[in-house]
C-alpha atoms as a PDB file:
ATOM      1  CA  MET A   1     137.953  93.215 157.776  1.00  0.00           C
ATOM      2  CA  ARG A   2     140.987  92.646 159.904  1.00  0.00           C
ATOM      3  CA  LYS A   3     144.947  91.468 159.400  1.00  0.00           C
ATOM      4  CA  ILE A   4     145.508  87.716 161.132  1.00  0.00           C
ATOM      5  CA  LYS A   5     149.041  85.391 160.801  1.00  0.00           C
ATOM      6  CA  ILE A   6     149.298  83.215 157.814  1.00  0.00           C
ATOM      7  CA  GLN A   7     149.269  80.555 159.318  1.00  0.00           C
ATOM      8  CA  GLU A   8     145.894  80.889 160.914  1.00  0.00           C
ATOM      9  CA  ILE A   9     144.233  80.088 157.875  1.00  0.00           C
ATOM     10  CA  ASP A  10     142.068  76.716 158.291  1.00  0.00           C
ATOM     11  CA  GLY A  11     142.986  73.902 156.601  1.00  0.00           C
ATOM     12  CA  PHE A  12     147.236  75.191 156.115  1.00  0.00           C
ATOM     13  CA  LEU A  13     150.481  74.337 157.355  1.00  0.00           C
ATOM     14  CA  ILE A  14     153.590  75.610 156.367  1.00  0.00           C
ATOM     15  CA  GLY A  15     156.961  74.470 157.273  1.00  0.00           C
ATOM     16  CA  GLN A  16     160.646  76.140 156.035  1.00  0.00           C
ATOM     17  CA  GLU A  17     164.125  74.955 155.692  1.00  0.00           C
ATOM     18  CA  GLN A  18     167.054  76.633 154.269  1.00  0.00           C
ATOM     19  CA  ASN A  19     170.877  76.142 153.927  1.00  0.00           C
ATOM     20  CA  GLU A  20     172.262  80.044 155.516  1.00  0.00           C
ATOM     21  CA  GLU A  21     175.811  78.474 154.380  1.00  0.00           C
ATOM     22  CA  ALA A  22     174.958  77.612 150.686  1.00  0.00           C
ATOM     23  CA  GLY A  23     172.055  80.740 150.570  1.00  0.00           C
ATOM     24  CA  THR A  24     168.757  78.962 149.482  1.00  0.00           C
ATOM     25  CA  GLY A  25     165.947  77.148 151.030  1.00  0.00           C
ATOM     26  CA  CYS A  26     162.344  75.350 150.887  1.00  0.00           C
ATOM     27  CA  THR A  27     158.704  76.576 151.952  1.00  0.00           C
ATOM     28  CA  ALA A  28     156.205  73.791 151.556  1.00  0.00           C
ATOM     29  CA  ILE A  29     152.881  74.998 152.230  1.00  0.00           C
ATOM     30  CA  ILE A  30     150.930  71.487 152.929  1.00  0.00           C
ATOM     31  CA  CYS A  31     147.158  71.273 153.183  1.00  0.00           C
ATOM     32  CA  GLU A  32     146.714  67.457 154.340  1.00  0.00           C
ATOM     33  CA  LYS A  33     142.857  67.069 153.437  1.00  0.00           C
ATOM     34  CA  GLY A  34     143.701  67.898 150.233  1.00  0.00           C
ATOM     35  CA  ALA A  35     142.969  72.109 148.668  1.00  0.00           C
ATOM     36  CA  VAL A  36     141.498  72.877 144.684  1.00  0.00           C
ATOM     37  CA  ALA A  37     144.328  75.173 143.069  1.00  0.00           C
ATOM     38  CA  GLY A  38     144.580  76.825 140.287  1.00  0.00           C
ATOM     39  CA  VAL A  39     148.319  78.068 138.918  1.00  0.00           C
ATOM     40  CA  ASP A  40     149.837  81.563 136.418  1.00  0.00           C
ATOM     41  CA  VAL A  41     152.952  81.076 135.695  1.00  0.00           C
ATOM     42  CA  ARG A  42     153.555  84.458 133.578  1.00  0.00           C
ATOM     43  CA  GLY A  43     157.225  84.989 133.905  1.00  0.00           C
ATOM     44  CA  GLY A  44     159.072  84.915 130.696  1.00  0.00           C
ATOM     45  CA  ALA A  45     162.392  81.859 132.405  1.00  0.00           C
ATOM     46  CA  PRO A  46     159.457  79.512 134.418  1.00  0.00           C
ATOM     47  CA  ALA A  47     160.855  76.516 136.947  1.00  0.00           C
ATOM     48  CA  THR A  48     157.688  74.477 137.830  1.00  0.00           C
ATOM     49  CA  ARG A  49     156.610  71.225 138.499  1.00  0.00           C
ATOM     50  CA  GLU A  50     152.632  69.771 137.683  1.00  0.00           C
ATOM     51  CA  THR A  51     151.705  72.803 136.773  1.00  0.00           C
ATOM     52  CA  ASP A  52     149.096  71.353 133.549  1.00  0.00           C
ATOM     53  CA  LEU A  53     147.431  69.259 135.838  1.00  0.00           C
ATOM     54  CA  LEU A  54     145.890  72.286 137.127  1.00  0.00           C
ATOM     55  CA  ASN A  55     143.541  73.550 134.203  1.00  0.00           C
ATOM     56  CA  PRO A  56     140.098  73.000 135.041  1.00  0.00           C
ATOM     57  CA  CYS A  57     139.434  70.568 131.884  1.00  0.00           C
ATOM     58  CA  ASN A  58     142.346  67.939 133.701  1.00  0.00           C
ATOM     59  CA  THR A  59     141.306  65.319 136.517  1.00  0.00           C
ATOM     60  CA  VAL A  60     143.098  66.451 139.897  1.00  0.00           C
ATOM     61  CA  GLU A  61     140.766  68.084 141.579  1.00  0.00           C
ATOM     62  CA  GLN A  62     143.153  68.600 144.466  1.00  0.00           C
ATOM     63  CA  ILE A  63     146.321  68.922 145.110  1.00  0.00           C
ATOM     64  CA  HIS A  64     147.877  68.230 148.802  1.00  0.00           C
ATOM     65  CA  CYS A  65     150.893  70.737 148.849  1.00  0.00           C
ATOM     66  CA  VAL A  66     153.044  74.052 146.818  1.00  0.00           C
ATOM     67  CA  MET A  67     157.043  73.389 147.609  1.00  0.00           C
ATOM     68  CA  LEU A  68     158.238  76.784 146.584  1.00  0.00           C
ATOM     69  CA  SER A  69     161.757  76.576 146.262  1.00  0.00           C
ATOM     70  CA  GLY A  70     165.612  77.998 145.928  1.00  0.00           C
ATOM     71  CA  GLY A  71     167.966  76.448 143.090  1.00  0.00           C
ATOM     72  CA  SER A  72     166.454  76.884 139.927  1.00  0.00           C
ATOM     73  CA  ALA A  73     165.494  73.909 138.378  1.00  0.00           C
ATOM     74  CA  PHE A  74     167.428  72.268 140.660  1.00  0.00           C
ATOM     75  CA  GLY A  75     165.522  72.355 143.104  1.00  0.00           C
ATOM     76  CA  LEU A  76     162.035  71.172 142.253  1.00  0.00           C
ATOM     77  CA  ASP A  77     163.405  67.636 143.504  1.00  0.00           C
ATOM     78  CA  ALA A  78     162.842  69.540 146.736  1.00  0.00           C
ATOM     79  CA  ALA A  79     158.619  68.931 146.618  1.00  0.00           C
ATOM     80  CA  SER A  80     159.929  65.246 146.000  1.00  0.00           C
ATOM     81  CA  GLY A  81     160.859  65.384 149.640  1.00  0.00           C
ATOM     82  CA  ALA A  82     157.218  66.750 150.266  1.00  0.00           C
ATOM     83  CA  MET A  83     155.715  63.675 147.980  1.00  0.00           C
ATOM     84  CA  ARG A  84     157.891  61.441 150.469  1.00  0.00           C
ATOM     85  CA  TYR A  85     156.449  63.023 153.759  1.00  0.00           C
ATOM     86  CA  LEU A  86     153.026  63.072 152.551  1.00  0.00           C
ATOM     87  CA  GLU A  87     153.061  59.586 151.513  1.00  0.00           C
ATOM     88  CA  GLU A  88     153.925  58.572 154.824  1.00  0.00           C
ATOM     89  CA  LYS A  89     150.833  59.999 156.218  1.00  0.00           C
ATOM     90  CA  GLY A  90     148.680  58.428 154.269  1.00  0.00           C
ATOM     91  CA  ILE A  91     148.087  61.718 151.826  1.00  0.00           C
ATOM     92  CA  GLY A  92     147.314  61.524 148.390  1.00  0.00           C
ATOM     93  CA  PHE A  93     145.550  60.963 145.366  1.00  0.00           C
ATOM     94  CA  ASP A  94     143.936  57.245 145.869  1.00  0.00           C
ATOM     95  CA  MET A  95     144.756  55.119 142.937  1.00  0.00           C
ATOM     96  CA  GLY A  96     143.532  51.783 144.863  1.00  0.00           C
ATOM     97  CA  THR A  97     147.322  50.168 145.376  1.00  0.00           C
ATOM     98  CA  VAL A  98     148.918  53.480 146.032  1.00  0.00           C
ATOM     99  CA  LYS A  99     148.315  56.813 147.637  1.00  0.00           C
ATOM    100  CA  VAL A 100     150.089  59.449 145.533  1.00  0.00           C
ATOM    101  CA  PRO A 101     150.311  62.484 146.786  1.00  0.00           C
ATOM    102  CA  ILE A 102     150.137  65.761 144.498  1.00  0.00           C
ATOM    103  CA  VAL A 103     152.812  68.453 144.673  1.00  0.00           C
ATOM    104  CA  CYS A 104     152.882  71.318 142.376  1.00  0.00           C
ATOM    105  CA  GLY A 105     156.483  73.364 142.633  1.00  0.00           C
ATOM    106  CA  ALA A 106     158.190  76.367 141.193  1.00  0.00           C
ATOM    107  CA  SER A 107     161.548  77.885 142.036  1.00  0.00           C
ATOM    108  CA  LEU A 108     163.456  81.165 141.864  1.00  0.00           C
ATOM    109  CA  PHE A 109     167.024  81.054 140.189  1.00  0.00           C
ATOM    110  CA  ASP A 110     169.278  82.316 143.577  1.00  0.00           C
ATOM    111  CA  LEU A 111     172.464  80.770 142.332  1.00  0.00           C
ATOM    112  CA  HIS A 112     173.977  83.635 142.250  1.00  0.00           C
ATOM    113  CA  ILE A 113     174.764  83.698 145.972  1.00  0.00           C
ATOM    114  CA  GLY A 114     176.428  81.533 148.511  1.00  0.00           C
ATOM    115  CA  ASP A 115     177.454  77.853 147.068  1.00  0.00           C
ATOM    116  CA  PRO A 116     175.239  77.265 143.792  1.00  0.00           C
ATOM    117  CA  HIS A 117     176.494  73.713 143.832  1.00  0.00           C
ATOM    118  CA  ILE A 118     173.914  73.030 146.843  1.00  0.00           C
ATOM    119  CA  ARG A 119     170.742  73.335 146.356  1.00  0.00           C
ATOM    120  CA  PRO A 120     167.416  72.619 148.054  1.00  0.00           C
ATOM    121  CA  ASN A 121     167.260  68.424 147.804  1.00  0.00           C
ATOM    122  CA  GLN A 122     164.150  66.080 148.136  1.00  0.00           C
ATOM    123  CA  GLU A 123     165.714  66.116 151.732  1.00  0.00           C
ATOM    124  CA  MET A 124     165.266  68.952 152.467  1.00  0.00           C
ATOM    125  CA  GLY A 125     162.496  69.695 151.064  1.00  0.00           C
ATOM    126  CA  TYR A 126     161.068  66.314 153.822  1.00  0.00           C
ATOM    127  CA  ALA A 127     162.957  68.874 156.425  1.00  0.00           C
ATOM    128  CA  ALA A 128     160.643  71.673 155.410  1.00  0.00           C
ATOM    129  CA  CYS A 129     157.366  69.329 155.878  1.00  0.00           C
ATOM    130  CA  THR A 130     158.330  68.362 159.139  1.00  0.00           C
ATOM    131  CA  LYS A 131     158.247  72.012 160.382  1.00  0.00           C
ATOM    132  CA  THR A 132     155.190  72.551 160.584  1.00  0.00           C
ATOM    133  CA  ASP A 133     155.022  73.637 164.041  1.00  0.00           C
ATOM    134  CA  GLN A 134     157.157  76.023 163.679  1.00  0.00           C
ATOM    135  CA  LEU A 135     156.395  79.610 163.785  1.00  0.00           C
ATOM    136  CA  PHE A 136     156.384  80.896 160.288  1.00  0.00           C
ATOM    137  CA  GLN A 137     159.482  83.598 159.887  1.00  0.00           C
ATOM    138  CA  GLU A 138     159.516  86.491 157.036  1.00  0.00           C
ATOM    139  CA  GLY A 139     163.657  87.508 155.828  1.00  0.00           C
ATOM    140  CA  ASN A 140     166.248  84.823 155.205  1.00  0.00           C
ATOM    141  CA  TYR A 141     164.590  81.826 155.950  1.00  0.00           C
ATOM    142  CA  GLY A 142     162.885  78.996 153.671  1.00  0.00           C
ATOM    143  CA  ALA A 143     162.963  79.796 149.427  1.00  0.00           C
ATOM    144  CA  GLY A 144     163.610  83.433 150.585  1.00  0.00           C
ATOM    145  CA  CYS A 145     166.965  82.036 152.254  1.00  0.00           C
ATOM    146  CA  GLY A 146     168.653  83.574 149.146  1.00  0.00           C
ATOM    147  CA  CYS A 147     166.526  85.819 147.596  1.00  0.00           C
ATOM    148  CA  SER A 148     167.787  88.974 146.443  1.00  0.00           C
ATOM    149  CA  ILE A 149     166.212  92.152 144.418  1.00  0.00           C
ATOM    150  CA  GLY A 150     167.525  95.118 142.172  1.00  0.00           C
ATOM    151  CA  LYS A 151     169.785  92.970 138.882  1.00  0.00           C
ATOM    152  CA  THR A 152     169.606  95.338 136.718  1.00  0.00           C
ATOM    153  CA  LEU A 153     173.829  96.368 137.315  1.00  0.00           C
ATOM    154  CA  GLY A 154     174.314  92.968 137.878  1.00  0.00           C
ATOM    155  CA  PRO A 155     174.238  90.401 141.125  1.00  0.00           C
ATOM    156  CA  ALA A 156     176.817  92.684 142.269  1.00  0.00           C
ATOM    157  CA  HIS A 157     175.049  95.486 143.013  1.00  0.00           C
ATOM    158  CA  ALA A 158     171.662  94.058 144.242  1.00  0.00           C
ATOM    159  CA  MET A 159     169.961  94.266 147.146  1.00  0.00           C
ATOM    160  CA  LYS A 160     168.906  91.574 149.473  1.00  0.00           C
ATOM    161  CA  SER A 161     165.553  90.213 149.844  1.00  0.00           C
ATOM    162  CA  GLY A 162     163.145  87.614 151.574  1.00  0.00           C
ATOM    163  CA  ILE A 163     160.266  85.339 151.822  1.00  0.00           C
ATOM    164  CA  GLY A 164     157.536  87.127 153.194  1.00  0.00           C
ATOM    165  CA  ALA A 165     153.778  86.704 153.712  1.00  0.00           C
ATOM    166  CA  TYR A 166     150.469  88.852 155.095  1.00  0.00           C
ATOM    167  CA  ALA A 167     146.764  87.050 155.602  1.00  0.00           C
ATOM    168  CA  MET A 168     143.548  88.648 157.016  1.00  0.00           C
ATOM    169  CA  GLN A 169     140.141  87.286 157.615  1.00  0.00           C
ATOM    170  CA  PHE A 170     136.921  88.561 156.433  1.00  0.00           C
ATOM    171  CA  GLY A 171     133.737  87.454 158.474  1.00  0.00           C
ATOM    172  CA  ASP A 172     134.509  83.352 157.768  1.00  0.00           C
ATOM    173  CA  VAL A 173     136.660  84.025 155.305  1.00  0.00           C
ATOM    174  CA  GLN A 174     140.709  84.268 155.360  1.00  0.00           C
ATOM    175  CA  ILE A 175     142.969  84.912 152.487  1.00  0.00           C
ATOM    176  CA  GLY A 176     146.844  85.454 152.358  1.00  0.00           C
ATOM    177  CA  ALA A 177     150.020  85.118 150.283  1.00  0.00           C
ATOM    178  CA  VAL A 178     153.441  83.554 150.895  1.00  0.00           C
ATOM    179  CA  VAL A 179     155.650  85.343 148.835  1.00  0.00           C
ATOM    180  CA  ALA A 180     159.211  84.665 147.763  1.00  0.00           C
ATOM    181  CA  VAL A 181     160.827  88.116 146.805  1.00  0.00           C
ATOM    182  CA  ASN A 182     163.784  87.572 143.741  1.00  0.00           C
ATOM    183  CA  ALA A 183     162.466  90.089 141.409  1.00  0.00           C
ATOM    184  CA  CYS A 184     165.132  91.162 138.604  1.00  0.00           C
ATOM    185  CA  GLY A 185     163.587  94.728 139.503  1.00  0.00           C
ATOM    186  CA  ASP A 186     162.491  97.001 142.459  1.00  0.00           C
ATOM    187  CA  ILE A 187     160.669  96.637 144.827  1.00  0.00           C
ATOM    188  CA  TYR A 188     157.819  99.549 144.768  1.00  0.00           C
ATOM    189  CA  ASP A 189     156.270 100.689 147.834  1.00  0.00           C
ATOM    190  CA  TYR A 190     152.153 101.476 146.342  1.00  0.00           C
ATOM    191  CA  GLU A 191     150.974 102.660 148.982  1.00  0.00           C
ATOM    192  CA  ASN A 192     154.267 105.751 149.281  1.00  0.00           C
ATOM    193  CA  HIS A 193     154.335 105.941 145.785  1.00  0.00           C
ATOM    194  CA  GLU A 194     157.979 105.197 146.234  1.00  0.00           C
ATOM    195  CA  ILE A 195     161.186 102.909 144.682  1.00  0.00           C
ATOM    196  CA  ILE A 196     162.519 101.124 148.594  1.00  0.00           C
ATOM    197  CA  GLY A 197     164.192  98.912 146.438  1.00  0.00           C
ATOM    198  CA  ALA A 198     166.541  98.139 143.729  1.00  0.00           C
ATOM    199  CA  ALA A 199     169.919  98.160 142.415  1.00  0.00           C
ATOM    200  CA  GLN A 200     172.221 100.536 144.050  1.00  0.00           C
ATOM    201  CA  LYS A 201     175.646 101.806 144.671  1.00  0.00           C
ATOM    202  CA  GLU A 202     177.162 103.372 147.571  1.00  0.00           C
ATOM    203  CA  GLY A 203     173.039 103.041 148.701  1.00  0.00           C
ATOM    204  CA  VAL A 204     171.795 105.368 145.846  1.00  0.00           C
ATOM    205  CA  PHE A 205     168.922 103.766 143.677  1.00  0.00           C
ATOM    206  CA  TYR A 206     169.451 102.553 140.663  1.00  0.00           C
ATOM    207  CA  PRO A 207     165.794 102.570 138.268  1.00  0.00           C
ATOM    208  CA  ALA A 208     165.322  99.618 136.406  1.00  0.00           C
ATOM    209  CA  GLU A 209     163.370 101.797 134.148  1.00  0.00           C
ATOM    210  CA  GLN A 210     165.764 104.360 134.179  1.00  0.00           C
ATOM    211  CA  LEU A 211     168.231 101.574 133.347  1.00  0.00           C
ATOM    212  CA  LEU A 212     166.561  99.619 130.656  1.00  0.00           C
ATOM    213  CA  MET A 213     165.746 103.222 128.715  1.00  0.00           C
ATOM    214  CA  GLN A 214     169.737 103.184 128.638  1.00  0.00           C
ATOM    215  CA  LYS A 215     170.098  99.164 126.889  1.00  0.00           C
ATOM    216  CA  MET A 216     170.931  97.961 129.226  1.00  0.00           C
ATOM    217  CA  GLU A 217     170.144  94.221 129.721  1.00  0.00           C
ATOM    218  CA  MET A 218     168.456  92.932 132.122  1.00  0.00           C
ATOM    219  CA  PRO A 219     170.170  90.104 133.196  1.00  0.00           C
ATOM    220  CA  MET A 220     168.814  86.608 133.257  1.00  0.00           C
ATOM    221  CA  GLY A 221     168.601  84.572 136.599  1.00  0.00           C
ATOM    222  CA  ASN A 222     165.342  86.029 138.675  1.00  0.00           C
ATOM    223  CA  THR A 223     161.911  85.247 139.479  1.00  0.00           C
ATOM    224  CA  THR A 224     159.529  85.611 142.147  1.00  0.00           C
ATOM    225  CA  ILE A 225     157.473  82.965 143.825  1.00  0.00           C
ATOM    226  CA  GLY A 226     153.804  82.565 145.710  1.00  0.00           C
ATOM    227  CA  CYS A 227     151.043  80.906 146.951  1.00  0.00           C
ATOM    228  CA  VAL A 228     147.892  82.666 147.543  1.00  0.00           C
ATOM    229  CA  MET A 229     145.727  79.970 150.436  1.00  0.00           C
ATOM    230  CA  THR A 230     142.017  80.490 151.369  1.00  0.00           C
ATOM    231  CA  ASN A 231     139.519  78.990 153.447  1.00  0.00           C
ATOM    232  CA  ALA A 232     136.916  79.594 151.041  1.00  0.00           C
ATOM    233  CA  LYS A 233     135.064  77.431 148.243  1.00  0.00           C
ATOM    234  CA  LEU A 234     135.962  77.435 145.089  1.00  0.00           C
ATOM    235  CA  THR A 235     136.643  75.673 141.939  1.00  0.00           C
ATOM    236  CA  LYS A 236     139.399  74.583 139.716  1.00  0.00           C
ATOM    237  CA  ALA A 237     138.623  77.220 137.092  1.00  0.00           C
ATOM    238  CA  GLN A 238     137.756  79.911 140.204  1.00  0.00           C
ATOM    239  CA  ALA A 239     141.298  79.034 141.298  1.00  0.00           C
ATOM    240  CA  ASN A 240     142.887  79.260 137.864  1.00  0.00           C
ATOM    241  CA  LYS A 241     141.332  83.193 137.805  1.00  0.00           C
ATOM    242  CA  LEU A 242     142.234  83.918 141.664  1.00  0.00           C
ATOM    243  CA  ALA A 243     145.782  83.479 141.144  1.00  0.00           C
ATOM    244  CA  ALA A 244     145.790  85.195 137.868  1.00  0.00           C
ATOM    245  CA  MET A 245     144.470  88.374 139.464  1.00  0.00           C
ATOM    246  CA  ALA A 246     146.627  87.964 141.895  1.00  0.00           C
ATOM    247  CA  HIS A 247     149.516  88.639 139.803  1.00  0.00           C
ATOM    248  CA  ASP A 248     147.804  92.367 140.212  1.00  0.00           C
ATOM    249  CA  GLY A 249     149.857  92.258 143.237  1.00  0.00           C
ATOM    250  CA  TYR A 250     153.266  91.912 141.931  1.00  0.00           C
ATOM    251  CA  ALA A 251     152.072  94.768 139.288  1.00  0.00           C
ATOM    252  CA  HIS A 252     151.753  97.157 142.366  1.00  0.00           C
ATOM    253  CA  ALA A 253     155.163  95.865 143.979  1.00  0.00           C
ATOM    254  CA  ILE A 254     157.499  94.815 141.679  1.00  0.00           C
ATOM    255  CA  THR A 255     159.043  96.961 139.177  1.00  0.00           C
ATOM    256  CA  PRO A 256     159.057  95.453 136.145  1.00  0.00           C
ATOM    257  CA  THR A 257     157.573  92.210 136.424  1.00  0.00           C
ATOM    258  CA  HIS A 258     156.827  89.153 133.974  1.00  0.00           C
ATOM    259  CA  THR A 259     160.330  90.372 132.330  1.00  0.00           C
ATOM    260  CA  MET A 260     162.095  87.525 130.038  1.00  0.00           C
ATOM    261  CA  SER A 261     164.334  87.019 132.606  1.00  0.00           C
ATOM    262  CA  ASP A 262     161.770  85.516 135.429  1.00  0.00           C
ATOM    263  CA  GLY A 263     159.220  83.111 135.726  1.00  0.00           C
ATOM    264  CA  ASP A 264     157.092  84.598 137.954  1.00  0.00           C
ATOM    265  CA  THR A 265     154.530  82.510 139.019  1.00  0.00           C
ATOM    266  CA  ILE A 266     151.250  82.299 141.525  1.00  0.00           C
ATOM    267  CA  PHE A 267     149.126  78.849 142.300  1.00  0.00           C
ATOM    268  CA  ALA A 268     146.316  79.419 144.865  1.00  0.00           C
ATOM    269  CA  MET A 269     144.721  77.074 147.303  1.00  0.00           C
ATOM    270  CA  ALA A 270     141.230  76.525 148.455  1.00  0.00           C
ATOM    271  CA  SER A 271     141.387  74.607 151.464  1.00  0.00           C
ATOM    272  CA  GLY A 272     136.547  75.281 151.028  1.00  0.00           C
ATOM    273  CA  THR A 273     135.122  75.508 154.192  1.00  0.00           C
ATOM    274  CA  ALA A 274     133.472  79.162 153.779  1.00  0.00           C
ATOM    275  CA  SER A 275     131.359  80.989 151.278  1.00  0.00           C
ATOM    276  CA  CYS A 276     132.713  84.346 149.154  1.00  0.00           C
ATOM    277  CA  ASP A 277     131.621  86.293 146.670  1.00  0.00           C
ATOM    278  CA  PHE A 278     134.837  86.374 144.433  1.00  0.00           C
ATOM    279  CA  ASN A 279     135.484  89.532 142.802  1.00  0.00           C
ATOM    280  CA  LEU A 280     135.865  90.255 146.535  1.00  0.00           C
ATOM    281  CA  LEU A 281     137.866  87.343 147.023  1.00  0.00           C
ATOM    282  CA  GLY A 282     140.549  88.580 144.520  1.00  0.00           C
ATOM    283  CA  ALA A 283     140.714  92.147 144.921  1.00  0.00           C
ATOM    284  CA  LEU A 284     142.468  90.701 148.753  1.00  0.00           C
ATOM    285  CA  ALA A 285     144.102  88.717 147.025  1.00  0.00           C
ATOM    286  CA  VAL A 286     146.301  91.356 145.408  1.00  0.00           C
ATOM    287  CA  LYS A 287     145.976  93.585 148.185  1.00  0.00           C
ATOM    288  CA  CYS A 288     148.115  90.086 150.131  1.00  0.00           C
ATOM    289  CA  VAL A 289     150.530  89.429 147.382  1.00  0.00           C
ATOM    290  CA  GLU A 290     151.558  93.053 147.500  1.00  0.00           C
ATOM    291  CA  GLN A 291     152.068  93.062 151.066  1.00  0.00           C
ATOM    292  CA  ALA A 292     154.120  89.718 151.050  1.00  0.00           C
ATOM    293  CA  VAL A 293     156.079  91.016 148.085  1.00  0.00           C
ATOM    294  CA  ILE A 294     157.036  94.086 150.385  1.00  0.00           C
ATOM    295  CA  ASN A 295     157.525  91.971 154.130  1.00  0.00           C
ATOM    296  CA  GLY A 296     159.855  89.564 152.296  1.00  0.00           C
ATOM    297  CA  PHE A 297     161.832  92.159 150.444  1.00  0.00           C
ATOM    298  CA  LYS A 298     161.391  94.819 154.472  1.00  0.00           C
ATOM    299  CA  GLN A 299     161.786  92.016 156.414  1.00  0.00           C
ATOM    300  CA  ALA A 300     165.609  90.242 155.253  1.00  0.00           C
ATOM    301  CA  LYS A 301     168.608  90.544 156.486  1.00  0.00           C
ATOM    302  CA  SER A 302     172.527  91.715 154.847  1.00  0.00           C
ATOM    303  CA  ALA A 303     173.589  89.122 153.982  1.00  0.00           C
ATOM    304  CA  TYR A 304     176.345  87.230 151.582  1.00  0.00           C
ATOM    305  CA  GLY A 305     177.545  90.887 150.574  1.00  0.00           C
ATOM    306  CA  LEU A 306     174.253  92.697 149.381  1.00  0.00           C
ATOM    307  CA  PRO A 307     172.721  94.771 151.832  1.00  0.00           C
ATOM    308  CA  ALA A 308     169.074  95.244 152.545  1.00  0.00           C
ATOM    309  CA  TYR A 309     166.480  97.210 153.969  1.00  0.00           C
ATOM    310  CA  GLN A 310     166.883  95.800 157.186  1.00  0.00           C
ATOM    311  CA  LYS A 311     170.620  96.229 158.351  1.00  0.00           C
ATOM    312  CA  LYS A 312     172.788  93.383 160.188  1.00  0.00           C
END
């Protein structure tokens, strides 16, 4: 097994666009030939698009893009930009008279920082799709531009976070994850058993679980969103199960996770060019998501008055 770059996974393209002044952005994960896909939504306050069609009972077998964005529910409009981009390229579900691109999406809440009146829209989503030839960057980019974590003491005592990725290859099988880390809770280094990010005052961490025991309320406006990508051959049912298993990566790296003030969501996309034991694939998905969360936090730089693990 070896670590690879997220953009090495067969069949996928990734593009990002952000407005640094406004503190928001979006990340498009495209599979032009179509990917079998699934989703698992576990947070109590999700903002999602086209998740019902991923139910194995429903007709559509493949999707063409997952759009991750900031902007809360407003940011779901970025997916319309991906639809326009893909339609222009003749990509979509063939309905005879027209091809309809299948674009799923999820948005996180980043309206506490920057300009809350500027959010990812159709133009920003389209722009992200045009930048798949650029190197994927972690931290304050794409959907990670306005991310923060550790908000139990309120936005003023949060830490800057961002978008992260991690990918690996085992034989012919490739798998990776892209995660925009905007958790209400803390970031936990699972391998070293320590909290590396949390609500803070003057550099001192205040772990979320301790604050909750003191009857502190979880503030609304969070959500960690991500996508697992693989070249493995999967059915829709397996893709949904893979997304469900991948949530263990959130549980490893975020504490607490799946709260009522988070809309935590993971998509899974499979381009279907390699065979793999499904149980192994699930275990690798957990590792990829866990490390993508850690990378998204560690690669972010201080911005909007928020300190970061990595100094500006």
